[in-house]
Amino acid sequence: MQGKLGLRGIKVLGLTLGVSAALLGSPRAAQAQDAEAPDRHRSQGWKDATNILTLSSLGVQLLMPRVFYSDPEVTVGWKARWHASVLAPSMALIATGLVNEQFLKDSFEGYRPGCDEASQGIAPECNSYGMMSTHSYLVGSALGQGLGIFLVDTLKWSGGRINGGSLAMNVGVPAVLGVITTVGRTSGNWETGGQSWGSAGIGLALGLGLGALYGAAQRPECGYGGNLICW
């Protein structure tokens, strides 16, 4: 009798273990385990795309001429002049981005998605920090610089007249590139939404200030010689 009870107990124990193993191996259990694991996958495609978009956004500001409605003393009408001095605000913003990449990120210690204090510097996806996002900061600063220059050229140097081409290239194109870049950084899991959009906002504010200051200090006209490039 005791032997039968022992054998029955072994069968019950084996059945219980079998059911437990089946439950643990079920898709629902696997999903629960996956939900607990942090998502540290980084999209290489989005990284390459945002690199190109960031460089394109900066290039637009470097190549964009000052468009203005010329003074009454000169030939009246819309004119475009390329200024080498635009390198001053552009390089200042780029330099700030490089400083952020090399030094400020380590000070802010904003963890990338899926990283924390325990995994930082240990997991290969957590070797660097995400705040500030250099890409988002640079595209935000390019938009801010273009917006600042456009506003000054429109309000101060063109008597409030708006040029569609200047609006499109100084504001429209950088805005589109900036949004795609910032969304790409979050979609590619390189930074969190707060890190990306916050960095873009900081860049926008600094770029707007520098762009407006440069536009007010540097007259868009090259003088009375009619040169297209102002040195």
Protein backbone atom coordinates (compact mmCIF):
# COMPACT_ATOMS: atom_id res chain seq x y z
CA MET A 1 0.00 0.00 0.00
CA GLN A 2 2.77 2.38 0.91
CA GLY A 3 4.58 1.46 -2.33
CA LYS A 4 1.51 2.37 -4.36
CA LEU A 5 1.21 5.69 -2.56
CA GLY A 6 4.90 6.44 -3.14
CA LEU A 7 4.61 5.59 -6.83
CA ARG A 8 1.51 7.75 -7.13
CA GLY A 9 3.31 10.64 -5.42
CA ILE A 10 6.19 10.35 -7.86
CA LYS A 11 3.76 10.44 -10.77
CA VAL A 12 2.00 13.53 -9.37
CA LEU A 13 5.35 15.24 -8.80
CA GLY A 14 6.47 14.42 -12.34
CA LEU A 15 3.20 15.70 -13.79
CA THR A 16 3.50 18.92 -11.80
CA LEU A 17 7.05 19.49 -12.99
CA GLY A 18 6.02 18.78 -16.57
CA VAL A 19 3.16 21.29 -16.45
CA SER A 20 5.46 23.90 -14.87
CA ALA A 21 8.05 23.39 -17.58
CA ALA A 22 5.39 23.73 -20.27
CA LEU A 23 4.11 26.95 -18.73
CA LEU A 24 7.61 28.43 -18.49
CA GLY A 25 8.27 27.53 -22.11
CA SER A 26 4.98 28.98 -23.33
CA PRO A 27 4.95 32.17 -25.44
CA ARG A 28 3.31 34.08 -22.62
CA ALA A 29 6.12 33.24 -20.22
CA ALA A 30 8.71 34.08 -22.85
CA GLN A 31 7.04 37.43 -23.42
CA ALA A 32 7.15 38.12 -19.69
CA GLN A 33 10.86 37.39 -19.61
CA ASP A 34 11.45 39.60 -22.67
CA ALA A 35 9.47 42.41 -21.06
CA GLU A 36 11.78 42.34 -18.07
CA ALA A 37 14.94 42.51 -20.20
CA PRO A 38 15.94 46.11 -21.11
CA ASP A 39 15.84 47.02 -24.79
CA ARG A 40 19.38 48.06 -25.71
CA HIS A 41 19.24 47.42 -29.43
CA ARG A 42 20.63 50.38 -31.41
CA SER A 43 19.66 50.85 -35.05
CA GLN A 44 22.75 51.29 -37.23
CA GLY A 45 20.52 52.43 -40.08
CA TRP A 46 19.12 55.32 -38.07
CA LYS A 47 22.61 56.20 -36.85
CA ASP A 48 23.89 56.53 -40.42
CA ALA A 49 20.79 58.42 -41.51
CA THR A 50 20.95 60.94 -38.66
CA ASN A 51 24.66 61.51 -39.33
CA ILE A 52 23.84 62.49 -42.91
CA LEU A 53 20.84 64.59 -41.90
CA THR A 54 22.85 66.48 -39.29
CA LEU A 55 25.63 67.30 -41.76
CA SER A 56 23.02 68.38 -44.32
CA SER A 57 21.36 70.70 -41.82
CA LEU A 58 24.68 72.35 -40.97
CA GLY A 59 25.59 72.59 -44.65
CA VAL A 60 22.39 74.47 -45.46
CA GLN A 61 23.33 77.25 -43.05
CA LEU A 62 26.90 77.47 -44.31
CA LEU A 63 25.83 77.72 -47.96
CA MET A 64 22.69 79.84 -47.56
CA PRO A 65 23.12 83.49 -48.68
CA ARG A 66 21.68 86.49 -46.91
CA VAL A 67 18.52 87.43 -48.80
CA PHE A 68 17.27 90.99 -48.32
CA TYR A 69 15.37 93.83 -49.94
CA SER A 70 18.12 96.32 -50.76
CA ASP A 71 18.36 99.88 -49.46
CA PRO A 72 16.79 102.73 -51.48
CA GLU A 73 20.25 104.23 -52.08
CA VAL A 74 21.24 101.15 -54.08
CA THR A 75 19.32 99.25 -56.75
CA VAL A 76 15.92 98.50 -55.27
CA GLY A 77 14.82 94.86 -55.13
CA TRP A 78 15.65 91.47 -53.65
CA LYS A 79 19.31 90.55 -53.46
CA ALA A 80 21.33 87.59 -52.20
CA ARG A 81 24.84 87.87 -50.78
CA TRP A 82 27.12 85.13 -49.48
CA HIS A 83 29.07 86.06 -46.35
CA ALA A 84 32.22 84.26 -45.23
CA SER A 85 31.53 85.70 -41.78
CA VAL A 86 28.65 83.24 -41.34
CA LEU A 87 31.37 80.81 -40.30
CA ALA A 88 31.52 82.64 -36.95
CA PRO A 89 28.11 81.60 -35.55
CA SER A 90 28.15 78.25 -37.35
CA MET A 91 31.54 77.21 -36.03
CA ALA A 92 30.66 78.41 -32.53
CA LEU A 93 27.62 76.13 -32.48
CA ILE A 94 29.55 73.21 -33.98
CA ALA A 95 32.32 73.70 -31.42
CA THR A 96 29.74 73.59 -28.62
CA GLY A 97 28.46 70.30 -30.04
CA LEU A 98 31.98 68.85 -30.02
CA VAL A 99 32.49 69.99 -26.42
CA ASN A 100 29.24 68.27 -25.51
CA GLU A 101 30.31 65.03 -27.19
CA GLN A 102 33.72 64.97 -25.52
CA PHE A 103 33.04 66.44 -22.07
CA LEU A 104 29.49 67.50 -21.21
CA LYS A 105 27.88 64.10 -21.68
CA ASP A 106 30.05 62.61 -18.95
CA SER A 107 28.98 65.44 -16.64
CA PHE A 108 25.23 65.10 -17.32
CA GLU A 109 25.34 61.27 -17.06
CA GLY A 110 22.09 60.78 -18.95
CA TYR A 111 21.80 57.04 -19.55
CA ARG A 112 20.91 55.74 -23.00
CA PRO A 113 17.69 53.69 -23.34
CA GLY A 114 17.99 50.35 -21.56
CA CYS A 115 21.02 51.43 -19.54
CA ASP A 116 21.35 52.23 -15.86
CA GLU A 117 24.03 52.71 -13.23
CA ALA A 118 24.73 48.98 -13.07
CA SER A 119 25.16 48.48 -16.83
CA GLN A 120 26.85 51.78 -17.69
CA GLY A 121 30.35 51.14 -19.02
CA ILE A 122 29.82 47.37 -18.85
CA ALA A 123 27.27 46.54 -21.54
CA PRO A 124 28.60 47.41 -25.02
CA GLU A 125 25.46 49.44 -25.78
CA CYS A 126 26.04 51.52 -22.65
CA ASN A 127 29.58 52.75 -23.23
CA SER A 128 28.47 56.36 -23.69
CA TYR A 129 25.72 58.65 -22.41
CA GLY A 130 22.73 60.03 -24.29
CA MET A 131 22.32 63.52 -22.84
CA MET A 132 22.83 65.89 -24.50
CA SER A 133 22.16 64.35 -27.88
CA THR A 134 24.81 65.93 -30.12
CA HIS A 135 22.84 65.20 -33.29
CA SER A 136 19.63 66.73 -31.97
CA TYR A 137 21.49 69.69 -30.52
CA LEU A 138 23.22 70.47 -33.81
CA VAL A 139 20.09 70.27 -35.96
CA GLY A 140 18.25 72.39 -33.41
CA SER A 141 21.02 74.98 -33.43
CA ALA A 142 21.07 75.05 -37.25
CA LEU A 143 17.33 75.74 -37.28
CA GLY A 144 17.74 78.41 -34.60
CA GLN A 145 20.56 80.11 -36.50
CA GLY A 146 18.56 80.16 -39.73
CA LEU A 147 15.46 81.45 -37.95
CA GLY A 148 17.42 84.22 -36.22
CA ILE A 149 19.05 85.39 -39.44
CA PHE A 150 15.75 85.23 -41.33
CA LEU A 151 13.92 87.30 -38.71
CA VAL A 152 16.61 90.00 -38.65
CA ASP A 153 16.95 90.13 -42.43
CA THR A 154 13.17 90.40 -42.73
CA LEU A 155 12.43 92.88 -39.95
CA LYS A 156 15.59 94.98 -39.86
CA TRP A 157 17.07 94.90 -43.35
CA SER A 158 14.02 94.32 -45.56
CA GLY A 159 11.43 96.54 -43.92
CA GLY A 160 9.23 93.60 -42.95
CA ARG A 161 9.11 92.12 -46.47
CA ILE A 162 9.19 88.31 -46.48
CA ASN A 163 11.15 86.39 -49.08
CA GLY A 164 9.75 82.91 -49.70
CA GLY A 165 13.08 81.42 -50.72
CA SER A 166 14.80 82.66 -47.59
CA LEU A 167 11.96 81.37 -45.42
CA ALA A 168 12.12 77.94 -47.05
CA MET A 169 15.90 77.50 -46.87
CA ASN A 170 16.61 79.22 -43.56
CA VAL A 171 13.63 77.81 -41.67
CA GLY A 172 11.64 75.23 -43.62
CA VAL A 173 14.40 72.85 -44.71
CA PRO A 174 16.28 72.91 -41.37
CA ALA A 175 12.99 72.31 -39.54
CA VAL A 176 12.22 69.21 -41.64
CA LEU A 177 15.76 67.88 -41.29
CA GLY A 178 15.69 68.60 -37.56
CA VAL A 179 12.41 66.80 -36.91
CA ILE A 180 13.47 63.72 -38.90
CA THR A 181 16.83 63.64 -37.13
CA THR A 182 15.34 63.96 -33.65
CA VAL A 183 12.68 61.33 -34.36
CA GLY A 184 15.37 59.08 -35.83
CA ARG A 185 17.48 59.27 -32.71
CA THR A 186 14.55 58.08 -30.61
CA SER A 187 13.29 55.53 -33.15
CA GLY A 188 16.78 54.08 -33.42
CA ASN A 189 16.88 53.78 -29.61
CA TRP A 190 20.01 55.95 -29.38
CA GLU A 191 18.42 58.45 -26.99
CA THR A 192 15.17 58.79 -25.11
CA GLY A 193 12.52 61.21 -26.31
CA GLY A 194 13.31 63.61 -23.50
CA GLN A 195 17.02 63.56 -24.27
CA SER A 196 16.55 64.14 -28.00
CA TRP A 197 13.87 66.81 -27.89
CA GLY A 198 15.42 68.53 -24.89
CA SER A 199 18.78 68.73 -26.68
CA ALA A 200 17.09 70.06 -29.82
CA GLY A 201 15.37 72.74 -27.75
CA ILE A 202 18.64 73.85 -26.18
CA GLY A 203 20.26 74.03 -29.61
CA LEU A 204 17.32 75.99 -31.00
CA ALA A 205 17.58 78.61 -28.25
CA LEU A 206 21.35 79.05 -28.59
CA GLY A 207 21.20 79.07 -32.38
CA LEU A 208 18.41 81.63 -32.40
CA GLY A 209 20.39 83.96 -30.15
CA LEU A 210 23.62 83.67 -32.14
CA GLY A 211 21.83 83.89 -35.48
CA ALA A 212 19.94 87.04 -34.50
CA LEU A 213 23.07 88.63 -33.04
CA TYR A 214 25.08 87.87 -36.17
CA GLY A 215 22.31 89.07 -38.50
CA ALA A 216 22.01 92.37 -36.66
CA ALA A 217 25.76 92.97 -36.47
CA GLN A 218 26.62 91.94 -40.04
CA ARG A 219 24.93 94.06 -42.70
CA PRO A 220 23.71 91.79 -45.55
CA GLU A 221 24.83 94.18 -48.31
CA CYS A 222 28.46 93.90 -49.44
CA GLY A 223 28.73 97.63 -49.93
CA TYR A 224 28.35 99.53 -53.18
CA GLY A 225 30.61 97.34 -55.27
CA GLY A 226 27.88 94.83 -56.07
CA ASN A 227 29.95 91.81 -55.01
CA LEU A 228 28.09 88.54 -54.50
CA ILE A 229 30.57 87.29 -51.87
CA CYS A 230 31.37 89.39 -48.84
CA TRP A 231 34.62 88.72 -47.03
